[in-house]
Every structure is written in structure tokens, then in C-alpha cells.
Amino acid sequence: MLRIRGSIGDWPVDLTLEMDDADWARLGAQLQVEKPAVSAPTAKPLNQDDALWQIARDLLRKAGQLSGPDLLDQLEGLTGSAAVGKRLLVRLRHCADVKVESGGDTPLYRWLL
């Protein structure tokens, strides 16, 4: 016997399924999954976010330091998107290799290594 309780939206659900051994065996046979052969680990390919993140880090590392607006302009130019550029800028702000200093009216992003 299998009992399912919960709700669907505002409707309460209390369902009891009676299954004999043959039913359980058929269900178990349907759930059998063949395990893939284990192979040597391969290098994980970079997805687009990882590639853009690496480009953003390299950009600041090569420059040494950039003002927030200049860095954002360059990131937007590289990605073609203001939203992606801002997301990378925030990610750089929280990166251990980057120090953000107050540079008057604008923050100054400085590469530490």
C-alpha cells in the first residue's frame, strides 16, 4: 500500500494505492536505470558565463585598475549587454582578487595580484 498526502492548490489530497507484489515488481522494472560506465574525468568545458567571467577578470588584471564607469563601459562592450556587464561588475566587486576603493565620485576597481 502506498499513501500520498498533500495538496494541489487549495485542494487537500489523500490518496491510497493498493499494490500487490507483481505491481511493485513491474514498477521496479520500469525504474531500473542502467548505470553508465565510469570513465576518466574530463576537463569541464567553460560555459558562456564562465568564459565571460574569465574575460572580465583578465581585463581588470591587465589594466591594473579602472574606475567603475570605465570598467562597466568595457564590460558592456565585450558582452553586448548592459545587464551582463553590470552582473560582471558586481561579481568583480565581491572577488577576492579585487579591491574596490572610493575614488571620489566613482569607485576604483584595483587588481590585487
Protein backbone atom coordinates (compact mmCIF):
# COMPACT_ATOMS: atom_id res chain seq x y z
CA MET A 1 0.00 0.00 0.00
CA LEU A 2 1.23 3.49 -0.86
CA ARG A 3 -0.32 6.61 0.68
CA ILE A 4 0.10 10.08 -0.78
CA ARG A 5 -0.96 13.14 1.17
CA GLY A 6 -0.62 16.79 0.31
CA SER A 7 -2.48 19.44 -1.62
CA ILE A 8 -3.00 20.65 -5.12
CA GLY A 9 -3.51 24.37 -4.78
CA ASP A 10 -6.18 24.77 -2.10
CA TRP A 11 -7.48 21.21 -2.50
CA PRO A 12 -6.33 18.62 0.02
CA VAL A 13 -5.18 15.27 -1.38
CA ASP A 14 -5.23 11.96 0.48
CA LEU A 15 -4.66 9.07 -1.93
CA THR A 16 -4.12 5.42 -1.12
CA LEU A 17 -2.81 2.99 -3.74
CA GLU A 18 -3.01 -0.72 -3.11
CA MET A 19 -0.34 -2.68 -4.97
CA ASP A 20 0.47 -6.37 -4.83
CA ASP A 21 3.95 -7.88 -5.26
CA ALA A 22 3.56 -8.14 -9.05
CA ASP A 23 2.64 -4.42 -9.26
CA TRP A 24 5.72 -3.50 -7.21
CA ALA A 25 7.91 -5.72 -9.41
CA ARG A 26 6.61 -4.06 -12.60
CA LEU A 27 7.12 -0.61 -11.09
CA GLY A 28 10.64 -1.56 -10.02
CA ALA A 29 11.43 -2.87 -13.51
CA GLN A 30 10.31 0.46 -15.01
CA LEU A 31 12.57 2.36 -12.64
CA GLN A 32 15.71 0.33 -13.38
CA VAL A 33 18.32 2.60 -14.88
CA GLU A 34 21.45 1.29 -16.50
CA LYS A 35 24.49 2.89 -14.91
CA PRO A 36 26.91 4.40 -17.40
CA ALA A 37 30.44 3.06 -17.48
CA VAL A 38 32.82 5.11 -15.39
CA SER A 39 35.47 6.81 -17.47
CA ALA A 40 38.39 9.02 -16.65
CA PRO A 41 37.33 12.53 -15.62
CA THR A 42 37.49 15.07 -18.38
CA ALA A 43 38.05 18.78 -18.13
CA LYS A 44 34.82 20.68 -17.68
CA PRO A 45 34.16 22.87 -20.72
CA LEU A 46 33.62 26.53 -19.97
CA ASN A 47 30.07 27.72 -20.34
CA GLN A 48 29.40 31.24 -21.59
CA ASP A 49 29.14 32.72 -18.07
CA ASP A 50 32.47 31.17 -17.06
CA ALA A 51 34.12 32.46 -20.24
CA LEU A 52 32.77 36.00 -19.70
CA TRP A 53 33.86 35.91 -16.07
CA GLN A 54 37.39 34.95 -17.11
CA ILE A 55 37.44 37.76 -19.70
CA ALA A 56 36.26 40.28 -17.09
CA ARG A 57 38.98 39.19 -14.66
CA ASP A 58 41.65 39.33 -17.38
CA LEU A 59 40.51 42.80 -18.43
CA LEU A 60 40.95 44.22 -14.93
CA ARG A 61 44.14 42.26 -14.28
CA LYS A 62 45.79 43.64 -17.43
CA ALA A 63 44.62 47.18 -16.70
CA GLY A 64 45.67 47.01 -13.05
CA GLN A 65 42.92 49.41 -12.06
CA LEU A 66 39.87 51.02 -13.65
CA SER A 67 37.14 53.34 -12.49
CA GLY A 68 33.72 51.77 -12.09
CA PRO A 69 32.18 53.61 -15.09
CA ASP A 70 35.16 52.81 -17.35
CA LEU A 71 35.13 49.15 -16.33
CA LEU A 72 31.36 48.94 -16.85
CA ASP A 73 31.68 50.51 -20.31
CA GLN A 74 34.31 47.97 -21.30
CA LEU A 75 32.32 45.05 -19.89
CA GLU A 76 29.19 46.20 -21.73
CA GLY A 77 31.23 46.49 -24.92
CA LEU A 78 32.61 42.97 -24.51
CA THR A 79 29.29 41.35 -23.68
CA GLY A 80 26.95 43.50 -25.78
CA SER A 81 24.59 43.73 -22.81
CA ALA A 82 24.23 46.32 -20.06
CA ALA A 83 22.68 43.73 -17.73
CA VAL A 84 25.50 41.20 -18.22
CA GLY A 85 28.09 43.98 -17.82
CA LYS A 86 26.52 45.05 -14.51
CA ARG A 87 26.36 41.46 -13.30
CA LEU A 88 30.08 41.01 -14.02
CA LEU A 89 30.85 44.32 -12.29
CA VAL A 90 29.04 43.14 -9.14
CA ARG A 91 30.85 39.82 -9.33
CA LEU A 92 34.20 41.64 -9.57
CA ARG A 93 33.24 43.76 -6.57
CA HIS A 94 32.97 40.57 -4.49
CA CYS A 95 36.02 38.84 -5.97
CA ALA A 96 38.89 38.13 -3.55
CA ASP A 97 41.42 39.30 -6.19
CA VAL A 98 39.81 42.74 -6.50
CA LYS A 99 39.79 45.66 -4.12
CA VAL A 100 37.19 48.38 -4.61
CA GLU A 101 38.28 51.77 -3.30
CA SER A 102 36.42 55.01 -3.06
CA GLY A 103 37.76 57.18 -5.85
CA GLY A 104 35.90 60.43 -5.28
CA ASP A 105 32.65 60.27 -7.20
CA THR A 106 33.27 56.79 -8.63
CA PRO A 107 34.64 53.54 -7.22
CA LEU A 108 38.07 52.40 -8.32
CA TYR A 109 38.48 48.68 -9.09
CA ARG A 110 42.06 47.53 -8.41
CA TRP A 111 43.50 44.08 -9.22
CA LEU A 112 45.43 42.80 -6.17
CA LEU A 113 47.66 40.07 -7.59
